[in-house]
Amino acid sequence: YPNNAWERYADDSVIHCRSRWEARL
C-alpha cells in the first residue's frame, strides 16, 4: 500500500485510507 499514509509510535499505529472499502481490505 505505497499510496497510503500512516504513523506508528512503537506498537500504536494509525493507517489512512481513501474509502471504507479500501480500509476494510
mmCIF file of all heavy atoms, coordinates in Angstrom:
data_MODEL
# 
_entry.id   MODEL 
# 
loop_
_atom_site.group_PDB 
_atom_site.id 
_atom_site.type_symbol 
_atom_site.label_atom_id 
_atom_site.label_alt_id 
_atom_site.label_comp_id 
_atom_site.label_asym_id 
_atom_site.label_entity_id 
_atom_site.label_seq_id 
_atom_site.pdbx_PDB_ins_code 
_atom_site.Cartn_x 
_atom_site.Cartn_y 
_atom_site.Cartn_z 
_atom_site.occupancy 
_atom_site.B_iso_or_equiv 
_atom_site.pdbx_formal_charge 
_atom_site.auth_seq_id 
_atom_site.auth_comp_id 
_atom_site.auth_asym_id 
_atom_site.auth_atom_id 
_atom_site.pdbx_PDB_model_num 
ATOM 1   N N   . TYR A 1 1  ? 0.845   -1.200 0.000  1.00 0.00 ? 1  TYR A N   1 
ATOM 2   C CA  . TYR A 1 1  ? 0.000   0.000  0.000  1.00 0.00 ? 1  TYR A CA  1 
ATOM 3   C C   . TYR A 1 1  ? 0.881   1.251  0.000  1.00 0.00 ? 1  TYR A C   1 
ATOM 4   O O   . TYR A 1 1  ? 0.860   2.034  0.946  1.00 0.00 ? 1  TYR A O   1 
ATOM 5   C CB  . TYR A 1 1  ? -0.941  -0.014 1.208  1.00 0.00 ? 1  TYR A CB  1 
ATOM 6   C CG  . TYR A 1 1  ? -2.029  -1.060 1.113  1.00 0.00 ? 1  TYR A CG  1 
ATOM 7   C CD1 . TYR A 1 1  ? -1.820  -2.348 1.608  1.00 0.00 ? 1  TYR A CD1 1 
ATOM 8   C CD2 . TYR A 1 1  ? -3.244  -0.771 0.505  1.00 0.00 ? 1  TYR A CD2 1 
ATOM 9   C CE1 . TYR A 1 1  ? -2.812  -3.315 1.504  1.00 0.00 ? 1  TYR A CE1 1 
ATOM 10  C CE2 . TYR A 1 1  ? -4.238  -1.729 0.404  1.00 0.00 ? 1  TYR A CE2 1 
ATOM 11  C CZ  . TYR A 1 1  ? -4.013  -3.000 0.901  1.00 0.00 ? 1  TYR A CZ  1 
ATOM 12  O OH  . TYR A 1 1  ? -4.993  -3.956 0.789  1.00 0.00 ? 1  TYR A OH  1 
ATOM 13  N N   . PRO A 1 2  ? 1.656   1.436  -1.063 1.00 0.00 ? 2  PRO A N   1 
ATOM 14  C CA  . PRO A 1 2  ? 2.611   2.562  -1.085 1.00 0.00 ? 2  PRO A CA  1 
ATOM 15  C C   . PRO A 1 2  ? 1.948   3.937  -1.102 1.00 0.00 ? 2  PRO A C   1 
ATOM 16  O O   . PRO A 1 2  ? 2.598   4.934  -0.782 1.00 0.00 ? 2  PRO A O   1 
ATOM 17  C CB  . PRO A 1 2  ? 3.404   2.312  -2.377 1.00 0.00 ? 2  PRO A CB  1 
ATOM 18  C CG  . PRO A 1 2  ? 2.478   1.515  -3.250 1.00 0.00 ? 2  PRO A CG  1 
ATOM 19  C CD  . PRO A 1 2  ? 1.701   0.648  -2.313 1.00 0.00 ? 2  PRO A CD  1 
ATOM 20  N N   . ASN A 1 3  ? 0.681   4.009  -1.484 1.00 0.00 ? 3  ASN A N   1 
ATOM 21  C CA  . ASN A 1 3  ? -0.007  5.304  -1.586 1.00 0.00 ? 3  ASN A CA  1 
ATOM 22  C C   . ASN A 1 3  ? -0.812  5.663  -0.337 1.00 0.00 ? 3  ASN A C   1 
ATOM 23  O O   . ASN A 1 3  ? -1.507  6.679  -0.329 1.00 0.00 ? 3  ASN A O   1 
ATOM 24  C CB  . ASN A 1 3  ? -0.925  5.309  -2.812 1.00 0.00 ? 3  ASN A CB  1 
ATOM 25  C CG  . ASN A 1 3  ? -0.148  5.159  -4.110 1.00 0.00 ? 3  ASN A CG  1 
ATOM 26  O OD1 . ASN A 1 3  ? 0.928   5.729  -4.269 1.00 0.00 ? 3  ASN A OD1 1 
ATOM 27  N ND2 . ASN A 1 3  ? -0.682  4.375  -5.039 1.00 0.00 ? 3  ASN A ND2 1 
ATOM 28  N N   . ASN A 1 4  ? -0.722  4.837  0.686  1.00 0.00 ? 4  ASN A N   1 
ATOM 29  C CA  . ASN A 1 4  ? -1.441  5.109  1.933  1.00 0.00 ? 4  ASN A CA  1 
ATOM 30  C C   . ASN A 1 4  ? -0.486  5.649  2.984  1.00 0.00 ? 4  ASN A C   1 
ATOM 31  O O   . ASN A 1 4  ? 0.566   5.068  3.248  1.00 0.00 ? 4  ASN A O   1 
ATOM 32  C CB  . ASN A 1 4  ? -2.101  3.832  2.458  1.00 0.00 ? 4  ASN A CB  1 
ATOM 33  C CG  . ASN A 1 4  ? -3.245  3.374  1.589  1.00 0.00 ? 4  ASN A CG  1 
ATOM 34  O OD1 . ASN A 1 4  ? -3.030  2.903  0.479  1.00 0.00 ? 4  ASN A OD1 1 
ATOM 35  N ND2 . ASN A 1 4  ? -4.463  3.522  2.073  1.00 0.00 ? 4  ASN A ND2 1 
ATOM 36  N N   . ALA A 1 5  ? -0.864  6.763  3.585  1.00 0.00 ? 5  ALA A N   1 
ATOM 37  C CA  . ALA A 1 5  ? -0.054  7.350  4.657  1.00 0.00 ? 5  ALA A CA  1 
ATOM 38  C C   . ALA A 1 5  ? -0.333  6.624  5.973  1.00 0.00 ? 5  ALA A C   1 
ATOM 39  O O   . ALA A 1 5  ? -1.408  6.036  6.160  1.00 0.00 ? 5  ALA A O   1 
ATOM 40  C CB  . ALA A 1 5  ? -0.360  8.835  4.797  1.00 0.00 ? 5  ALA A CB  1 
ATOM 41  N N   . TRP A 1 6  ? 0.613   6.671  6.881  1.00 0.00 ? 6  TRP A N   1 
ATOM 42  C CA  . TRP A 1 6  ? 0.434   6.052  8.200  1.00 0.00 ? 6  TRP A CA  1 
ATOM 43  C C   . TRP A 1 6  ? 1.414   6.670  9.184  1.00 0.00 ? 6  TRP A C   1 
ATOM 44  O O   . TRP A 1 6  ? 2.387   7.325  8.797  1.00 0.00 ? 6  TRP A O   1 
ATOM 45  C CB  . TRP A 1 6  ? 0.630   4.534  8.138  1.00 0.00 ? 6  TRP A CB  1 
ATOM 46  C CG  . TRP A 1 6  ? 1.906   4.089  7.467  1.00 0.00 ? 6  TRP A CG  1 
ATOM 47  C CD1 . TRP A 1 6  ? 2.094   3.848  6.135  1.00 0.00 ? 6  TRP A CD1 1 
ATOM 48  C CD2 . TRP A 1 6  ? 3.180   3.860  8.093  1.00 0.00 ? 6  TRP A CD2 1 
ATOM 49  N NE1 . TRP A 1 6  ? 3.401   3.486  5.880  1.00 0.00 ? 6  TRP A NE1 1 
ATOM 50  C CE2 . TRP A 1 6  ? 4.093   3.476  7.068  1.00 0.00 ? 6  TRP A CE2 1 
ATOM 51  C CE3 . TRP A 1 6  ? 3.641   3.928  9.411  1.00 0.00 ? 6  TRP A CE3 1 
ATOM 52  C CZ2 . TRP A 1 6  ? 5.415   3.183  7.332  1.00 0.00 ? 6  TRP A CZ2 1 
ATOM 53  C CZ3 . TRP A 1 6  ? 4.971   3.631  9.673  1.00 0.00 ? 6  TRP A CZ3 1 
ATOM 54  C CH2 . TRP A 1 6  ? 5.845   3.256  8.641  1.00 0.00 ? 6  TRP A CH2 1 
ATOM 55  N N   . GLU A 1 7  ? 1.125   6.471  10.459 1.00 0.00 ? 7  GLU A N   1 
ATOM 56  C CA  . GLU A 1 7  ? 2.017   6.887  11.546 1.00 0.00 ? 7  GLU A CA  1 
ATOM 57  C C   . GLU A 1 7  ? 2.098   5.741  12.547 1.00 0.00 ? 7  GLU A C   1 
ATOM 58  O O   . GLU A 1 7  ? 1.082   5.117  12.859 1.00 0.00 ? 7  GLU A O   1 
ATOM 59  C CB  . GLU A 1 7  ? 1.508   8.140  12.281 1.00 0.00 ? 7  GLU A CB  1 
ATOM 60  C CG  . GLU A 1 7  ? 1.453   9.394  11.429 1.00 0.00 ? 7  GLU A CG  1 
ATOM 61  C CD  . GLU A 1 7  ? 0.217   9.457  10.563 1.00 0.00 ? 7  GLU A CD  1 
ATOM 62  O OE1 . GLU A 1 7  ? -0.853  8.983  11.017 1.00 0.00 ? 7  GLU A OE1 1 
ATOM 63  O OE2 . GLU A 1 7  ? 0.302   9.959  9.420  1.00 0.00 ? 7  GLU A OE2 1 
ATOM 64  N N   . ARG A 1 8  ? 3.304   5.489  13.029 1.00 0.00 ? 8  ARG A N   1 
ATOM 65  C CA  . ARG A 1 8  ? 3.481   4.455  14.049 1.00 0.00 ? 8  ARG A CA  1 
ATOM 66  C C   . ARG A 1 8  ? 4.379   4.993  15.153 1.00 0.00 ? 8  ARG A C   1 
ATOM 67  O O   . ARG A 1 8  ? 5.428   5.563  14.874 1.00 0.00 ? 8  ARG A O   1 
ATOM 68  C CB  . ARG A 1 8  ? 4.092   3.176  13.455 1.00 0.00 ? 8  ARG A CB  1 
ATOM 69  C CG  . ARG A 1 8  ? 4.292   2.074  14.515 1.00 0.00 ? 8  ARG A CG  1 
ATOM 70  C CD  . ARG A 1 8  ? 4.755   0.768  13.891 1.00 0.00 ? 8  ARG A CD  1 
ATOM 71  N NE  . ARG A 1 8  ? 6.090   0.873  13.327 1.00 0.00 ? 8  ARG A NE  1 
ATOM 72  C CZ  . ARG A 1 8  ? 7.222   0.813  14.043 1.00 0.00 ? 8  ARG A CZ  1 
ATOM 73  N NH1 . ARG A 1 8  ? 7.170   0.714  15.359 1.00 0.00 ? 8  ARG A NH1 1 
ATOM 74  N NH2 . ARG A 1 8  ? 8.393   0.903  13.444 1.00 0.00 ? 8  ARG A NH2 1 
ATOM 75  N N   . TYR A 1 9  ? 3.935   4.804  16.379 1.00 0.00 ? 9  TYR A N   1 
ATOM 76  C CA  . TYR A 1 9  ? 4.753   5.133  17.550 1.00 0.00 ? 9  TYR A CA  1 
ATOM 77  C C   . TYR A 1 9  ? 4.836   3.867  18.389 1.00 0.00 ? 9  TYR A C   1 
ATOM 78  O O   . TYR A 1 9  ? 3.872   3.507  19.068 1.00 0.00 ? 9  TYR A O   1 
ATOM 79  C CB  . TYR A 1 9  ? 4.143   6.284  18.350 1.00 0.00 ? 9  TYR A CB  1 
ATOM 80  C CG  . TYR A 1 9  ? 5.078   6.851  19.392 1.00 0.00 ? 9  TYR A CG  1 
ATOM 81  C CD1 . TYR A 1 9  ? 5.836   7.989  19.115 1.00 0.00 ? 9  TYR A CD1 1 
ATOM 82  C CD2 . TYR A 1 9  ? 5.230   6.249  20.635 1.00 0.00 ? 9  TYR A CD2 1 
ATOM 83  C CE1 . TYR A 1 9  ? 6.713   8.508  20.057 1.00 0.00 ? 9  TYR A CE1 1 
ATOM 84  C CE2 . TYR A 1 9  ? 6.104   6.758  21.577 1.00 0.00 ? 9  TYR A CE2 1 
ATOM 85  C CZ  . TYR A 1 9  ? 6.840   7.883  21.286 1.00 0.00 ? 9  TYR A CZ  1 
ATOM 86  O OH  . TYR A 1 9  ? 7.717   8.396  22.223 1.00 0.00 ? 9  TYR A OH  1 
ATOM 87  N N   . ALA A 1 10 ? 5.972   3.164  18.302 1.00 0.00 ? 10 ALA A N   1 
ATOM 88  C CA  . ALA A 1 10 ? 6.128   1.842  18.927 1.00 0.00 ? 10 ALA A CA  1 
ATOM 89  C C   . ALA A 1 10 ? 5.041   0.930  18.365 1.00 0.00 ? 10 ALA A C   1 
ATOM 90  O O   . ALA A 1 10 ? 4.965   0.752  17.148 1.00 0.00 ? 10 ALA A O   1 
ATOM 91  C CB  . ALA A 1 10 ? 6.106   1.944  20.446 1.00 0.00 ? 10 ALA A CB  1 
ATOM 92  N N   . ASP A 1 11 ? 4.144   0.385  19.209 1.00 0.00 ? 11 ASP A N   1 
ATOM 93  C CA  . ASP A 1 11 ? 3.113   -0.519 18.699 1.00 0.00 ? 11 ASP A CA  1 
ATOM 94  C C   . ASP A 1 11 ? 1.770   0.171  18.489 1.00 0.00 ? 11 ASP A C   1 
ATOM 95  O O   . ASP A 1 11 ? 0.772   -0.492 18.210 1.00 0.00 ? 11 ASP A O   1 
ATOM 96  C CB  . ASP A 1 11 ? 2.943   -1.714 19.646 1.00 0.00 ? 11 ASP A CB  1 
ATOM 97  C CG  . ASP A 1 11 ? 2.549   -1.295 21.059 1.00 0.00 ? 11 ASP A CG  1 
ATOM 98  O OD1 . ASP A 1 11 ? 2.943   -0.198 21.478 1.00 0.00 ? 11 ASP A OD1 1 
ATOM 99  O OD2 . ASP A 1 11 ? 1.862   -2.072 21.748 1.00 0.00 ? 11 ASP A OD2 1 
ATOM 100 N N   . ASP A 1 12 ? 1.720   1.498  18.615 1.00 0.00 ? 12 ASP A N   1 
ATOM 101 C CA  . ASP A 1 12 ? 0.500   2.271  18.338 1.00 0.00 ? 12 ASP A CA  1 
ATOM 102 C C   . ASP A 1 12 ? 0.561   2.818  16.913 1.00 0.00 ? 12 ASP A C   1 
ATOM 103 O O   . ASP A 1 12 ? 1.503   3.532  16.568 1.00 0.00 ? 12 ASP A O   1 
ATOM 104 C CB  . ASP A 1 12 ? 0.350   3.438  19.323 1.00 0.00 ? 12 ASP A CB  1 
ATOM 105 C CG  . ASP A 1 12 ? 0.047   2.969  20.735 1.00 0.00 ? 12 ASP A CG  1 
ATOM 106 O OD1 . ASP A 1 12 ? -0.564  1.889  20.867 1.00 0.00 ? 12 ASP A OD1 1 
ATOM 107 O OD2 . ASP A 1 12 ? 0.415   3.656  21.699 1.00 0.00 ? 12 ASP A OD2 1 
ATOM 108 N N   . SER A 1 13 ? -0.456  2.505  16.112 1.00 0.00 ? 13 SER A N   1 
ATOM 109 C CA  . SER A 1 13 ? -0.431  2.901  14.707 1.00 0.00 ? 13 SER A CA  1 
ATOM 110 C C   . SER A 1 13 ? -1.784  3.398  14.239 1.00 0.00 ? 13 SER A C   1 
ATOM 111 O O   . SER A 1 13 ? -2.828  2.960  14.740 1.00 0.00 ? 13 SER A O   1 
ATOM 112 C CB  . SER A 1 13 ? -0.014  1.718  13.813 1.00 0.00 ? 13 SER A CB  1 
ATOM 113 O OG  . SER A 1 13 ? 1.187   1.142  14.224 1.00 0.00 ? 13 SER A OG  1 
ATOM 114 N N   . VAL A 1 14 ? -1.746  4.304  13.265 1.00 0.00 ? 14 VAL A N   1 
ATOM 115 C CA  . VAL A 1 14 ? -2.937  4.676  12.508 1.00 0.00 ? 14 VAL A CA  1 
ATOM 116 C C   . VAL A 1 14 ? -2.574  4.643  11.029 1.00 0.00 ? 14 VAL A C   1 
ATOM 117 O O   . VAL A 1 14 ? -1.482  5.067  10.636 1.00 0.00 ? 14 VAL A O   1 
ATOM 118 C CB  . VAL A 1 14 ? -3.490  6.066  12.901 1.00 0.00 ? 14 VAL A CB  1 
ATOM 119 C CG1 . VAL A 1 14 ? -4.071  6.045  14.297 1.00 0.00 ? 14 VAL A CG1 1 
ATOM 120 C CG2 . VAL A 1 14 ? -2.436  7.142  12.796 1.00 0.00 ? 14 VAL A CG2 1 
ATOM 121 N N   . ILE A 1 15 ? -3.487  4.108  10.214 1.00 0.00 ? 15 ILE A N   1 
ATOM 122 C CA  . ILE A 1 15 ? -3.277  4.000  8.772  1.00 0.00 ? 15 ILE A CA  1 
ATOM 123 C C   . ILE A 1 15 ? -4.410  4.740  8.075  1.00 0.00 ? 15 ILE A C   1 
ATOM 124 O O   . ILE A 1 15 ? -5.588  4.560  8.415  1.00 0.00 ? 15 ILE A O   1 
ATOM 125 C CB  . ILE A 1 15 ? -3.246  2.529  8.317  1.00 0.00 ? 15 ILE A CB  1 
ATOM 126 C CG1 . ILE A 1 15 ? -2.172  1.751  9.091  1.00 0.00 ? 15 ILE A CG1 1 
ATOM 127 C CG2 . ILE A 1 15 ? -2.979  2.433  6.816  1.00 0.00 ? 15 ILE A CG2 1 
ATOM 128 C CD1 . ILE A 1 15 ? -2.210  0.249  8.838  1.00 0.00 ? 15 ILE A CD1 1 
ATOM 129 N N   . HIS A 1 16 ? -4.073  5.568  7.108  1.00 0.00 ? 16 HIS A N   1 
ATOM 130 C CA  . HIS A 1 16 ? -5.060  6.418  6.432  1.00 0.00 ? 16 HIS A CA  1 
ATOM 131 C C   . HIS A 1 16 ? -5.474  5.799  5.097  1.00 0.00 ? 16 HIS A C   1 
ATOM 132 O O   . HIS A 1 16 ? -4.629  5.321  4.329  1.00 0.00 ? 16 HIS A O   1 
ATOM 133 C CB  . HIS A 1 16 ? -4.472  7.815  6.203  1.00 0.00 ? 16 HIS A CB  1 
ATOM 134 C CG  . HIS A 1 16 ? -3.997  8.466  7.463  1.00 0.00 ? 16 HIS A CG  1 
ATOM 135 N ND1 . HIS A 1 16 ? -4.801  9.283  8.225  1.00 0.00 ? 16 HIS A ND1 1 
ATOM 136 C CD2 . HIS A 1 16 ? -2.803  8.400  8.117  1.00 0.00 ? 16 HIS A CD2 1 
ATOM 137 C CE1 . HIS A 1 16 ? -4.120  9.703  9.285  1.00 0.00 ? 16 HIS A CE1 1 
ATOM 138 N NE2 . HIS A 1 16 ? -2.908  9.193  9.232  1.00 0.00 ? 16 HIS A NE2 1 
ATOM 139 N N   . CYS A 1 17 ? -6.784  5.823  4.838  1.00 0.00 ? 17 CYS A N   1 
ATOM 140 C CA  . CYS A 1 17 ? -7.338  5.227  3.620  1.00 0.00 ? 17 CYS A CA  1 
ATOM 141 C C   . CYS A 1 17 ? -8.299  6.205  2.947  1.00 0.00 ? 17 CYS A C   1 
ATOM 142 O O   . CYS A 1 17 ? -8.829  7.117  3.593  1.00 0.00 ? 17 CYS A O   1 
ATOM 143 C CB  . CYS A 1 17 ? -8.081  3.928  3.946  1.00 0.00 ? 17 CYS A CB  1 
ATOM 144 S SG  . CYS A 1 17 ? -7.052  2.673  4.744  1.00 0.00 ? 17 CYS A SG  1 
ATOM 145 N N   . ARG A 1 18 ? -8.523  5.982  1.659  1.00 0.00 ? 18 ARG A N   1 
ATOM 146 C CA  . ARG A 1 18 ? -9.378  6.892  0.890  1.00 0.00 ? 18 ARG A CA  1 
ATOM 147 C C   . ARG A 1 18 ? -10.850 6.502  0.949  1.00 0.00 ? 18 ARG A C   1 
ATOM 148 O O   . ARG A 1 18 ? -11.717 7.324  0.690  1.00 0.00 ? 18 ARG A O   1 
ATOM 149 C CB  . ARG A 1 18 ? -8.913  6.928  -0.568 1.00 0.00 ? 18 ARG A CB  1 
ATOM 150 C CG  . ARG A 1 18 ? -7.554  7.597  -0.735 1.00 0.00 ? 18 ARG A CG  1 
ATOM 151 C CD  . ARG A 1 18 ? -7.051  7.495  -2.163 1.00 0.00 ? 18 ARG A CD  1 
ATOM 152 N NE  . ARG A 1 18 ? -5.758  8.152  -2.296 1.00 0.00 ? 18 ARG A NE  1 
ATOM 153 C CZ  . ARG A 1 18 ? -4.599  7.607  -1.930 1.00 0.00 ? 18 ARG A CZ  1 
ATOM 154 N NH1 . ARG A 1 18 ? -4.583  6.377  -1.441 1.00 0.00 ? 18 ARG A NH1 1 
ATOM 155 N NH2 . ARG A 1 18 ? -3.466  8.270  -2.086 1.00 0.00 ? 18 ARG A NH2 1 
ATOM 156 N N   . SER A 1 19 ? -11.127 5.247  1.239  1.00 0.00 ? 19 SER A N   1 
ATOM 157 C CA  . SER A 1 19 ? -12.523 4.792  1.274  1.00 0.00 ? 19 SER A CA  1 
ATOM 158 C C   . SER A 1 19 ? -12.687 3.709  2.325  1.00 0.00 ? 19 SER A C   1 
ATOM 159 O O   . SER A 1 19 ? -11.711 3.104  2.779  1.00 0.00 ? 19 SER A O   1 
ATOM 160 C CB  . SER A 1 19 ? -12.937 4.236  -0.100 1.00 0.00 ? 19 SER A CB  1 
ATOM 161 O OG  . SER A 1 19 ? -12.195 3.049  -0.382 1.00 0.00 ? 19 SER A OG  1 
ATOM 162 N N   . ARG A 1 20 ? -13.936 3.472  2.699  1.00 0.00 ? 20 ARG A N   1 
ATOM 163 C CA  . ARG A 1 20 ? -14.209 2.411  3.670  1.00 0.00 ? 20 ARG A CA  1 
ATOM 164 C C   . ARG A 1 20 ? -13.835 1.053  3.076  1.00 0.00 ? 20 ARG A C   1 
ATOM 165 O O   . ARG A 1 20 ? -13.315 0.183  3.780  1.00 0.00 ? 20 ARG A O   1 
ATOM 166 C CB  . ARG A 1 20 ? -15.683 2.427  4.067  1.00 0.00 ? 20 ARG A CB  1 
ATOM 167 C CG  . ARG A 1 20 ? -16.055 1.288  5.007  1.00 0.00 ? 20 ARG A CG  1 
ATOM 168 C CD  . ARG A 1 20 ? -17.523 1.296  5.363  1.00 0.00 ? 20 ARG A CD  1 
ATOM 169 N NE  . ARG A 1 20 ? -17.828 2.348  6.320  1.00 0.00 ? 20 ARG A NE  1 
ATOM 170 C CZ  . ARG A 1 20 ? -19.025 2.509  6.877  1.00 0.00 ? 20 ARG A CZ  1 
ATOM 171 N NH1 . ARG A 1 20 ? -20.019 1.687  6.551  1.00 0.00 ? 20 ARG A NH1 1 
ATOM 172 N NH2 . ARG A 1 20 ? -19.234 3.477  7.745  1.00 0.00 ? 20 ARG A NH2 1 
ATOM 173 N N   . TRP A 1 21 ? -14.107 0.881  1.796  1.00 0.00 ? 21 TRP A N   1 
ATOM 174 C CA  . TRP A 1 21 ? -13.781 -0.392 1.137  1.00 0.00 ? 21 TRP A CA  1 
ATOM 175 C C   . TRP A 1 21 ? -12.280 -0.654 1.211  1.00 0.00 ? 21 TRP A C   1 
ATOM 176 O O   . TRP A 1 21 ? -11.857 -1.782 1.529  1.00 0.00 ? 21 TRP A O   1 
ATOM 177 C CB  . TRP A 1 21 ? -14.231 -0.334 -0.325 1.00 0.00 ? 21 TRP A CB  1 
ATOM 178 C CG  . TRP A 1 21 ? -13.866 -1.580 -1.096 1.00 0.00 ? 21 TRP A CG  1 
ATOM 179 C CD1 . TRP A 1 21 ? -14.575 -2.736 -1.183 1.00 0.00 ? 21 TRP A CD1 1 
ATOM 180 C CD2 . TRP A 1 21 ? -12.674 -1.772 -1.875 1.00 0.00 ? 21 TRP A CD2 1 
ATOM 181 N NE1 . TRP A 1 21 ? -13.907 -3.654 -1.958 1.00 0.00 ? 21 TRP A NE1 1 
ATOM 182 C CE2 . TRP A 1 21 ? -12.736 -3.095 -2.396 1.00 0.00 ? 21 TRP A CE2 1 
ATOM 183 C CE3 . TRP A 1 21 ? -11.570 -0.984 -2.178 1.00 0.00 ? 21 TRP A CE3 1 
ATOM 184 C CZ2 . TRP A 1 21 ? -11.734 -3.620 -3.213 1.00 0.00 ? 21 TRP A CZ2 1 
ATOM 185 C CZ3 . TRP A 1 21 ? -10.574 -1.515 -2.988 1.00 0.00 ? 21 TRP A CZ3 1 
ATOM 186 C CH2 . TRP A 1 21 ? -10.654 -2.812 -3.496 1.00 0.00 ? 21 TRP A CH2 1 
ATOM 187 N N   . GLU A 1 22 ? -11.478 0.362  0.909  1.00 0.00 ? 22 GLU A N   1 
ATOM 188 C CA  . GLU A 1 22 ? -10.028 0.194  0.973  1.00 0.00 ? 22 GLU A CA  1 
ATOM 189 C C   . GLU A 1 22 ? -9.575  -0.111 2.404  1.00 0.00 ? 22 GLU A C   1 
ATOM 190 O O   . GLU A 1 22 ? -8.704  -0.961 2.626  1.00 0.00 ? 22 GLU A O   1 
ATOM 191 C CB  . GLU A 1 22 ? -9.321  1.451  0.467  1.00 0.00 ? 22 GLU A CB  1 
ATOM 192 C CG  . GLU A 1 22 ? -7.803  1.322  0.442  1.00 0.00 ? 22 GLU A CG  1 
ATOM 193 C CD  . GLU A 1 22 ? -7.113  2.607  0.024  1.00 0.00 ? 22 GLU A CD  1 
ATOM 194 O OE1 . GLU A 1 22 ? -7.459  3.677  0.571  1.00 0.00 ? 22 GLU A OE1 1 
ATOM 195 O OE2 . GLU A 1 22 ? -6.209  2.545  -0.833 1.00 0.00 ? 22 GLU A OE2 1 
ATOM 196 N N   . ALA A 1 23 ? -10.181 0.560  3.371  1.00 0.00 ? 23 ALA A N   1 
ATOM 197 C CA  . ALA A 1 23 ? -9.822  0.337  4.778  1.00 0.00 ? 23 ALA A CA  1 
ATOM 198 C C   . ALA A 1 23 ? -10.141 -1.098 5.199  1.00 0.00 ? 23 ALA A C   1 
ATOM 199 O O   . ALA A 1 23 ? -9.340  -1.744 5.895  1.00 0.00 ? 23 ALA A O   1 
ATOM 200 C CB  . ALA A 1 23 ? -10.556 1.333  5.671  1.00 0.00 ? 23 ALA A CB  1 
ATOM 201 N N   . ARG A 1 24 ? -11.305 -1.604 4.779  1.00 0.00 ? 24 ARG A N   1 
ATOM 202 C CA  . ARG A 1 24 ? -11.673 -2.971 5.136  1.00 0.00 ? 24 ARG A CA  1 
ATOM 203 C C   . ARG A 1 24 ? -10.730 -3.985 4.492  1.00 0.00 ? 24 ARG A C   1 
ATOM 204 O O   . ARG A 1 24 ? -10.332 -4.971 5.134  1.00 0.00 ? 24 ARG A O   1 
ATOM 205 C CB  . ARG A 1 24 ? -13.111 -3.242 4.711  1.00 0.00 ? 24 ARG A CB  1 
ATOM 206 C CG  . ARG A 1 24 ? -14.150 -2.561 5.599  1.00 0.00 ? 24 ARG A CG  1 
ATOM 207 C CD  . ARG A 1 24 ? -15.552 -2.749 5.040  1.00 0.00 ? 24 ARG A CD  1 
ATOM 208 N NE  . ARG A 1 24 ? -16.560 -2.252 5.982  1.00 0.00 ? 24 ARG A NE  1 
ATOM 209 C CZ  . ARG A 1 24 ? -17.843 -2.132 5.678  1.00 0.00 ? 24 ARG A CZ  1 
ATOM 210 N NH1 . ARG A 1 24 ? -18.278 -2.466 4.457  1.00 0.00 ? 24 ARG A NH1 1 
ATOM 211 N NH2 . ARG A 1 24 ? -18.702 -1.678 6.579  1.00 0.00 ? 24 ARG A NH2 1 
ATOM 212 N N   . LEU A 1 25 ? -10.378 -3.759 3.242  1.00 0.00 ? 25 LEU A N   1 
ATOM 213 C CA  . LEU A 1 25 ? -9.473  -4.671 2.542  1.00 0.00 ? 25 LEU A CA  1 
ATOM 214 C C   . LEU A 1 25 ? -8.093  -4.663 3.190  1.00 0.00 ? 25 LEU A C   1 
ATOM 215 O O   . LEU A 1 25 ? -7.510  -5.722 3.462  1.00 0.00 ? 25 LEU A O   1 
ATOM 216 C CB  . LEU A 1 25 ? -9.370  -4.267 1.072  1.00 0.00 ? 25 LEU A CB  1 
ATOM 217 C CG  . LEU A 1 25 ? -8.385  -5.089 0.220  1.00 0.00 ? 25 LEU A CG  1 
ATOM 218 C CD1 . LEU A 1 25 ? -8.841  -6.547 0.139  1.00 0.00 ? 25 LEU A CD1 1 
ATOM 219 C CD2 . LEU A 1 25 ? -8.256  -4.481 -1.185 1.00 0.00 ? 25 LEU A CD2 1 
# 
